[in-house]
Amino acid sequence: MARMKFLCDAERCIECNGCVTACNNEHDVPWGINRRRVVTLKDGEGGEKSISVACMHCTDAPCAAVCPVDCFYTTDDGIVLHDKDLCIGCGYCFYACPFGAPQYPQESAFGVRGKMDKCTFCAGGPLPDNSPEEFKKYGRNRIAEGKLPLCAEMCATKALLAGDGDVVSTIYRERVVKRGGRPDTWGWQKAYPS
């Protein structure tokens, strides 16, 4: 079975925020919530890079590890989903996630912020596929329709890749080879000095 993954090619991302807009519109995400966001490294300096970040659907998800009510679960495809009927809004997942994926839907006092919300890889939630209830709580289930997440499909430069982790890594490896070496995004020169 495929392990679904995201990968953002920082050499191609132009910080257009098309992925953010596509996600928000597709899932009717509440105002103030961005399941996906674009982060710019070295903003305004030489070597500036942008990457699109959301839930990375970790193999050993830290959000699931700290949840006191076990509302996080992983599908057979490796997609980490969240059951809003079980969620108590404690916020532990918010602090555990290194990508800042789980978010509160409301800006208010800690105890009344509601259930957490996060990227679903366009896979909906635990309710029946493409039901009105599933759409209301989790957004559109494109995976059940045999499609990829809309954020990746709408990426104009194809910087954001989504799908089977093996296929995504093969595409990225081929790009790096065509460019002639390792990407400088993550500081290879510092980690592996010549």
C-alpha atoms as a PDB file:
ATOM      1  CA  MET A   1       0.000   0.000   0.000  1.00  0.00           C
ATOM      2  CA  ALA A   2       1.220   3.493  -0.841  1.00  0.00           C
ATOM      3  CA  ARG A   3       2.352   5.908   1.873  1.00  0.00           C
ATOM      4  CA  MET A   4       0.968   9.314   0.920  1.00  0.00           C
ATOM      5  CA  LYS A   5       3.382  12.218   1.422  1.00  0.00           C
ATOM      6  CA  PHE A   6       3.873  15.909   0.614  1.00  0.00           C
ATOM      7  CA  LEU A   7       7.133  17.414  -0.634  1.00  0.00           C
ATOM      8  CA  CYS A   8       7.764  21.045  -1.542  1.00  0.00           C
ATOM      9  CA  ASP A   9      10.583  21.789  -3.980  1.00  0.00           C
ATOM     10  CA  ALA A  10      11.999  25.061  -2.664  1.00  0.00           C
ATOM     11  CA  GLU A  11      13.787  25.661  -5.975  1.00  0.00           C
ATOM     12  CA  ARG A  12      10.412  25.921  -7.706  1.00  0.00           C
ATOM     13  CA  CYS A  13       8.143  27.573  -5.115  1.00  0.00           C
ATOM     14  CA  ILE A  14       7.444  31.213  -6.031  1.00  0.00           C
ATOM     15  CA  GLU A  15       5.440  32.082  -2.887  1.00  0.00           C
ATOM     16  CA  CYS A  16       2.221  32.669  -4.848  1.00  0.00           C
ATOM     17  CA  ASN A  17       0.053  31.136  -2.080  1.00  0.00           C
ATOM     18  CA  GLY A  18      -2.067  29.353  -4.680  1.00  0.00           C
ATOM     19  CA  CYS A  19      -1.891  26.188  -2.567  1.00  0.00           C
ATOM     20  CA  VAL A  20      -3.222  28.048   0.479  1.00  0.00           C
ATOM     21  CA  THR A  21      -6.100  29.600  -1.460  1.00  0.00           C
ATOM     22  CA  ALA A  22      -6.970  26.305  -3.172  1.00  0.00           C
ATOM     23  CA  CYS A  23      -7.133  24.486   0.167  1.00  0.00           C
ATOM     24  CA  ASN A  24      -9.227  27.142   1.879  1.00  0.00           C
ATOM     25  CA  ASN A  25     -11.708  27.337  -1.005  1.00  0.00           C
ATOM     26  CA  GLU A  26     -11.961  23.580  -1.578  1.00  0.00           C
ATOM     27  CA  HIS A  27     -12.737  22.752   2.037  1.00  0.00           C
ATOM     28  CA  ASP A  28     -14.611  25.890   3.088  1.00  0.00           C
ATOM     29  CA  VAL A  29     -12.071  26.341   5.885  1.00  0.00           C
ATOM     30  CA  PRO A  30     -13.166  28.838   8.586  1.00  0.00           C
ATOM     31  CA  TRP A  31     -11.679  32.324   8.470  1.00  0.00           C
ATOM     32  CA  GLY A  32      -8.398  32.505  10.385  1.00  0.00           C
ATOM     33  CA  ILE A  33      -7.494  28.847   9.749  1.00  0.00           C
ATOM     34  CA  ASN A  34      -4.902  27.933   7.144  1.00  0.00           C
ATOM     35  CA  ARG A  35      -4.423  24.200   6.832  1.00  0.00           C
ATOM     36  CA  ARG A  36      -1.516  25.043   4.537  1.00  0.00           C
ATOM     37  CA  ARG A  37       0.821  28.053   4.619  1.00  0.00           C
ATOM     38  CA  VAL A  38       3.850  29.271   2.718  1.00  0.00           C
ATOM     39  CA  VAL A  39       6.968  29.946   4.795  1.00  0.00           C
ATOM     40  CA  THR A  40       9.837  32.019   3.427  1.00  0.00           C
ATOM     41  CA  LEU A  41      13.378  31.376   4.626  1.00  0.00           C
ATOM     42  CA  LYS A  42      15.924  34.235   4.471  1.00  0.00           C
ATOM     43  CA  ASP A  43      13.156  36.632   3.429  1.00  0.00           C
ATOM     44  CA  GLY A  44      14.594  39.547   1.428  1.00  0.00           C
ATOM     45  CA  GLU A  45      18.144  38.193   1.560  1.00  0.00           C
ATOM     46  CA  GLY A  46      20.294  36.356  -0.925  1.00  0.00           C
ATOM     47  CA  GLY A  47      19.352  32.701  -1.144  1.00  0.00           C
ATOM     48  CA  GLU A  48      15.700  33.324  -0.232  1.00  0.00           C
ATOM     49  CA  LYS A  49      13.579  30.164  -0.475  1.00  0.00           C
ATOM     50  CA  SER A  50       9.887  29.497   0.066  1.00  0.00           C
ATOM     51  CA  ILE A  51       8.225  26.248   1.031  1.00  0.00           C
ATOM     52  CA  SER A  52       4.602  25.246   1.376  1.00  0.00           C
ATOM     53  CA  VAL A  53       3.938  23.625   4.759  1.00  0.00           C
ATOM     54  CA  ALA A  54       0.984  21.671   6.137  1.00  0.00           C
ATOM     55  CA  CYS A  55       0.514  18.443   8.034  1.00  0.00           C
ATOM     56  CA  MET A  56       3.251  16.157   6.742  1.00  0.00           C
ATOM     57  CA  HIS A  57       1.308  13.000   7.717  1.00  0.00           C
ATOM     58  CA  CYS A  58       4.202  11.662   9.739  1.00  0.00           C
ATOM     59  CA  THR A  59       4.878   7.945   9.979  1.00  0.00           C
ATOM     60  CA  ASP A  60       5.137   8.261  13.774  1.00  0.00           C
ATOM     61  CA  ALA A  61       2.959  11.352  14.276  1.00  0.00           C
ATOM     62  CA  PRO A  62       3.813  13.339  17.430  1.00  0.00           C
ATOM     63  CA  CYS A  63       0.282  14.788  17.488  1.00  0.00           C
ATOM     64  CA  ALA A  64      -1.138  11.272  17.848  1.00  0.00           C
ATOM     65  CA  ALA A  65       1.422  10.382  20.515  1.00  0.00           C
ATOM     66  CA  VAL A  66       0.351  13.196  22.860  1.00  0.00           C
ATOM     67  CA  CYS A  67      -3.421  13.126  22.296  1.00  0.00           C
ATOM     68  CA  PRO A  68      -5.075  12.090  25.581  1.00  0.00           C
ATOM     69  CA  VAL A  69      -8.270  10.875  23.834  1.00  0.00           C
ATOM     70  CA  ASP A  70      -6.646   9.151  20.821  1.00  0.00           C
ATOM     71  CA  CYS A  71      -8.562  11.192  18.254  1.00  0.00           C
ATOM     72  CA  PHE A  72      -5.752  10.906  15.677  1.00  0.00           C
ATOM     73  CA  TYR A  73      -5.547   7.833  13.487  1.00  0.00           C
ATOM     74  CA  THR A  74      -3.575   6.786  10.413  1.00  0.00           C
ATOM     75  CA  THR A  75      -5.280   5.385   7.324  1.00  0.00           C
ATOM     76  CA  ASP A  76      -3.912   2.451   5.338  1.00  0.00           C
ATOM     77  CA  ASP A  77      -2.374   5.053   2.965  1.00  0.00           C
ATOM     78  CA  GLY A  78      -0.423   6.654   5.812  1.00  0.00           C
ATOM     79  CA  ILE A  79      -2.655   9.740   6.034  1.00  0.00           C
ATOM     80  CA  VAL A  80      -2.953  11.074   9.595  1.00  0.00           C
ATOM     81  CA  LEU A  81      -6.550  12.102  10.263  1.00  0.00           C
ATOM     82  CA  HIS A  82      -8.332  13.601  13.220  1.00  0.00           C
ATOM     83  CA  ASP A  83     -11.751  12.657  14.644  1.00  0.00           C
ATOM     84  CA  LYS A  84     -13.446  15.889  15.702  1.00  0.00           C
ATOM     85  CA  ASP A  85     -16.131  13.984  17.603  1.00  0.00           C
ATOM     86  CA  LEU A  86     -13.465  12.636  19.981  1.00  0.00           C
ATOM     87  CA  CYS A  87     -11.312  15.801  20.160  1.00  0.00           C
ATOM     88  CA  ILE A  88     -11.569  17.773  23.411  1.00  0.00           C
ATOM     89  CA  GLY A  89      -9.578  20.788  22.171  1.00  0.00           C
ATOM     90  CA  CYS A  90      -6.819  20.417  24.765  1.00  0.00           C
ATOM     91  CA  GLY A  91      -4.145  21.713  22.362  1.00  0.00           C
ATOM     92  CA  TYR A  92      -1.464  19.114  23.095  1.00  0.00           C
ATOM     93  CA  CYS A  93      -1.251  18.268  19.387  1.00  0.00           C
ATOM     94  CA  PHE A  94      -0.753  21.948  18.602  1.00  0.00           C
ATOM     95  CA  TYR A  95       2.362  22.026  20.784  1.00  0.00           C
ATOM     96  CA  ALA A  96       3.681  18.622  19.686  1.00  0.00           C
ATOM     97  CA  CYS A  97       3.492  19.178  15.925  1.00  0.00           C
ATOM     98  CA  PRO A  98       6.766  20.547  14.483  1.00  0.00           C
ATOM     99  CA  PHE A  99       4.863  21.892  11.454  1.00  0.00           C
ATOM    100  CA  GLY A 100       2.136  23.778  13.329  1.00  0.00           C
ATOM    101  CA  ALA A 101      -0.543  21.782  11.513  1.00  0.00           C
ATOM    102  CA  PRO A 102      -3.276  21.450  14.181  1.00  0.00           C
ATOM    103  CA  GLN A 103      -4.993  24.793  14.735  1.00  0.00           C
ATOM    104  CA  TYR A 104      -7.889  26.157  16.743  1.00  0.00           C
ATOM    105  CA  PRO A 105     -10.822  27.356  14.635  1.00  0.00           C
ATOM    106  CA  GLN A 106     -11.540  30.314  16.920  1.00  0.00           C
ATOM    107  CA  GLU A 107      -9.528  33.044  18.600  1.00  0.00           C
ATOM    108  CA  SER A 108     -11.000  33.039  22.101  1.00  0.00           C
ATOM    109  CA  ALA A 109     -10.310  31.856  25.633  1.00  0.00           C
ATOM    110  CA  PHE A 110      -8.399  28.562  25.837  1.00  0.00           C
ATOM    111  CA  GLY A 111     -11.310  26.403  27.003  1.00  0.00           C
ATOM    112  CA  VAL A 112     -13.785  27.598  24.350  1.00  0.00           C
ATOM    113  CA  ARG A 113     -11.695  27.488  21.165  1.00  0.00           C
ATOM    114  CA  GLY A 114     -13.424  24.353  19.922  1.00  0.00           C
ATOM    115  CA  LYS A 115     -12.093  21.231  18.249  1.00  0.00           C
ATOM    116  CA  MET A 116      -8.729  21.280  16.504  1.00  0.00           C
ATOM    117  CA  ASP A 117      -8.561  21.502  12.706  1.00  0.00           C
ATOM    118  CA  LYS A 118      -5.766  20.249  10.429  1.00  0.00           C
ATOM    119  CA  CYS A 119      -4.854  19.250   6.894  1.00  0.00           C
ATOM    120  CA  THR A 120      -6.591  16.040   5.851  1.00  0.00           C
ATOM    121  CA  PHE A 121      -4.579  15.406   2.639  1.00  0.00           C
ATOM    122  CA  CYS A 122      -8.024  15.916   1.053  1.00  0.00           C
ATOM    123  CA  ALA A 123      -9.062  12.563   2.569  1.00  0.00           C
ATOM    124  CA  GLY A 124     -12.023  13.767   4.637  1.00  0.00           C
ATOM    125  CA  GLY A 125     -12.518  12.141   7.995  1.00  0.00           C
ATOM    126  CA  PRO A 126     -14.083   9.157   9.763  1.00  0.00           C
ATOM    127  CA  LEU A 127     -17.611   9.857   8.476  1.00  0.00           C
ATOM    128  CA  PRO A 128     -18.972   8.173   5.301  1.00  0.00           C
ATOM    129  CA  ASP A 129     -17.050   9.254   2.168  1.00  0.00           C
ATOM    130  CA  ASN A 130     -18.380  12.409   0.487  1.00  0.00           C
ATOM    131  CA  SER A 131     -21.370  12.711   2.810  1.00  0.00           C
ATOM    132  CA  PRO A 132     -22.665  16.212   3.662  1.00  0.00           C
ATOM    133  CA  GLU A 133     -21.640  15.615   7.296  1.00  0.00           C
ATOM    134  CA  GLU A 134     -18.073  14.733   6.274  1.00  0.00           C
ATOM    135  CA  PHE A 135     -17.805  17.860   4.112  1.00  0.00           C
ATOM    136  CA  LYS A 136     -19.134  20.084   6.908  1.00  0.00           C
ATOM    137  CA  LYS A 137     -16.580  18.802   9.458  1.00  0.00           C
ATOM    138  CA  TYR A 138     -13.551  17.898   7.325  1.00  0.00           C
ATOM    139  CA  GLY A 139     -13.959  19.277   3.811  1.00  0.00           C
ATOM    140  CA  ARG A 140     -14.065  17.523   0.476  1.00  0.00           C
ATOM    141  CA  ASN A 141     -12.752  13.955   0.222  1.00  0.00           C
ATOM    142  CA  ARG A 142     -10.771  14.026  -3.037  1.00  0.00           C
ATOM    143  CA  ILE A 143      -8.863  10.834  -2.166  1.00  0.00           C
ATOM    144  CA  ALA A 144     -12.155   8.865  -2.229  1.00  0.00           C
ATOM    145  CA  GLU A 145     -12.715  10.335  -5.715  1.00  0.00           C
ATOM    146  CA  GLY A 146      -9.319   9.033  -6.863  1.00  0.00           C
ATOM    147  CA  LYS A 147      -7.747  12.513  -6.969  1.00  0.00           C
ATOM    148  CA  LEU A 148      -4.732  14.090  -5.289  1.00  0.00           C
ATOM    149  CA  PRO A 149      -4.938  16.995  -2.823  1.00  0.00           C
ATOM    150  CA  LEU A 150      -6.024  20.175  -4.579  1.00  0.00           C
ATOM    151  CA  CYS A 151      -3.128  22.210  -3.157  1.00  0.00           C
ATOM    152  CA  ALA A 152      -0.667  20.094  -5.161  1.00  0.00           C
ATOM    153  CA  GLU A 153      -2.846  20.005  -8.269  1.00  0.00           C
ATOM    154  CA  MET A 154      -3.154  23.808  -8.266  1.00  0.00           C
ATOM    155  CA  CYS A 155       0.567  24.500  -7.828  1.00  0.00           C
ATOM    156  CA  ALA A 156       1.478  26.463 -10.977  1.00  0.00           C
ATOM    157  CA  THR A 157       5.178  25.590 -10.837  1.00  0.00           C
ATOM    158  CA  LYS A 158       4.640  22.007  -9.629  1.00  0.00           C
ATOM    159  CA  ALA A 159       6.757  22.812  -6.586  1.00  0.00           C
ATOM    160  CA  LEU A 160       4.288  21.086  -4.273  1.00  0.00           C
ATOM    161  CA  LEU A 161       4.199  17.356  -4.865  1.00  0.00           C
ATOM    162  CA  ALA A 162       1.705  14.987  -3.246  1.00  0.00           C
ATOM    163  CA  GLY A 163       0.965  11.307  -3.552  1.00  0.00           C
ATOM    164  CA  ASP A 164       2.719   7.989  -3.066  1.00  0.00           C
ATOM    165  CA  GLY A 165       5.935   8.746  -1.174  1.00  0.00           C
ATOM    166  CA  ASP A 166       8.031   6.565  -3.486  1.00  0.00           C
ATOM    167  CA  VAL A 167       6.750   8.352  -6.602  1.00  0.00           C
ATOM    168  CA  VAL A 168       7.178  11.795  -5.032  1.00  0.00           C
ATOM    169  CA  SER A 169      10.761  11.052  -3.964  1.00  0.00           C
ATOM    170  CA  THR A 170      11.601   9.703  -7.440  1.00  0.00           C
ATOM    171  CA  ILE A 171      10.293  12.880  -9.091  1.00  0.00           C
ATOM    172  CA  TYR A 172      12.264  15.062  -6.688  1.00  0.00           C
ATOM    173  CA  ARG A 173      15.462  13.013  -7.121  1.00  0.00           C
ATOM    174  CA  GLU A 174      15.197  13.361 -10.917  1.00  0.00           C
ATOM    175  CA  ARG A 175      14.782  17.133 -10.575  1.00  0.00           C
ATOM    176  CA  VAL A 176      17.853  17.412  -8.358  1.00  0.00           C
ATOM    177  CA  VAL A 177      19.942  15.374 -10.816  1.00  0.00           C
ATOM    178  CA  LYS A 178      18.779  17.575 -13.733  1.00  0.00           C
ATOM    179  CA  ARG A 179      19.699  20.705 -11.753  1.00  0.00           C
ATOM    180  CA  GLY A 180      23.144  19.284 -11.186  1.00  0.00           C
ATOM    181  CA  GLY A 181      23.494  18.516  -7.525  1.00  0.00           C
ATOM    182  CA  ARG A 182      22.027  18.769  -4.113  1.00  0.00           C
ATOM    183  CA  PRO A 183      19.577  21.549  -3.279  1.00  0.00           C
ATOM    184  CA  ASP A 184      20.970  24.285  -1.024  1.00  0.00           C
ATOM    185  CA  THR A 185      17.648  24.660   0.780  1.00  0.00           C
ATOM    186  CA  TRP A 186      18.562  22.967   4.020  1.00  0.00           C
ATOM    187  CA  GLY A 187      22.173  24.071   4.344  1.00  0.00           C
ATOM    188  CA  TRP A 188      24.090  21.112   2.955  1.00  0.00           C
ATOM    189  CA  GLN A 189      27.275  23.173   3.091  1.00  0.00           C
ATOM    190  CA  LYS A 190      26.967  23.610   6.862  1.00  0.00           C
ATOM    191  CA  ALA A 191      25.911  20.036   7.567  1.00  0.00           C
ATOM    192  CA  TYR A 192      28.508  18.462   5.260  1.00  0.00           C
ATOM    193  CA  PRO A 193      31.413  20.904   4.852  1.00  0.00           C
ATOM    194  CA  SER A 194      33.837  20.077   2.059  1.00  0.00           C
END
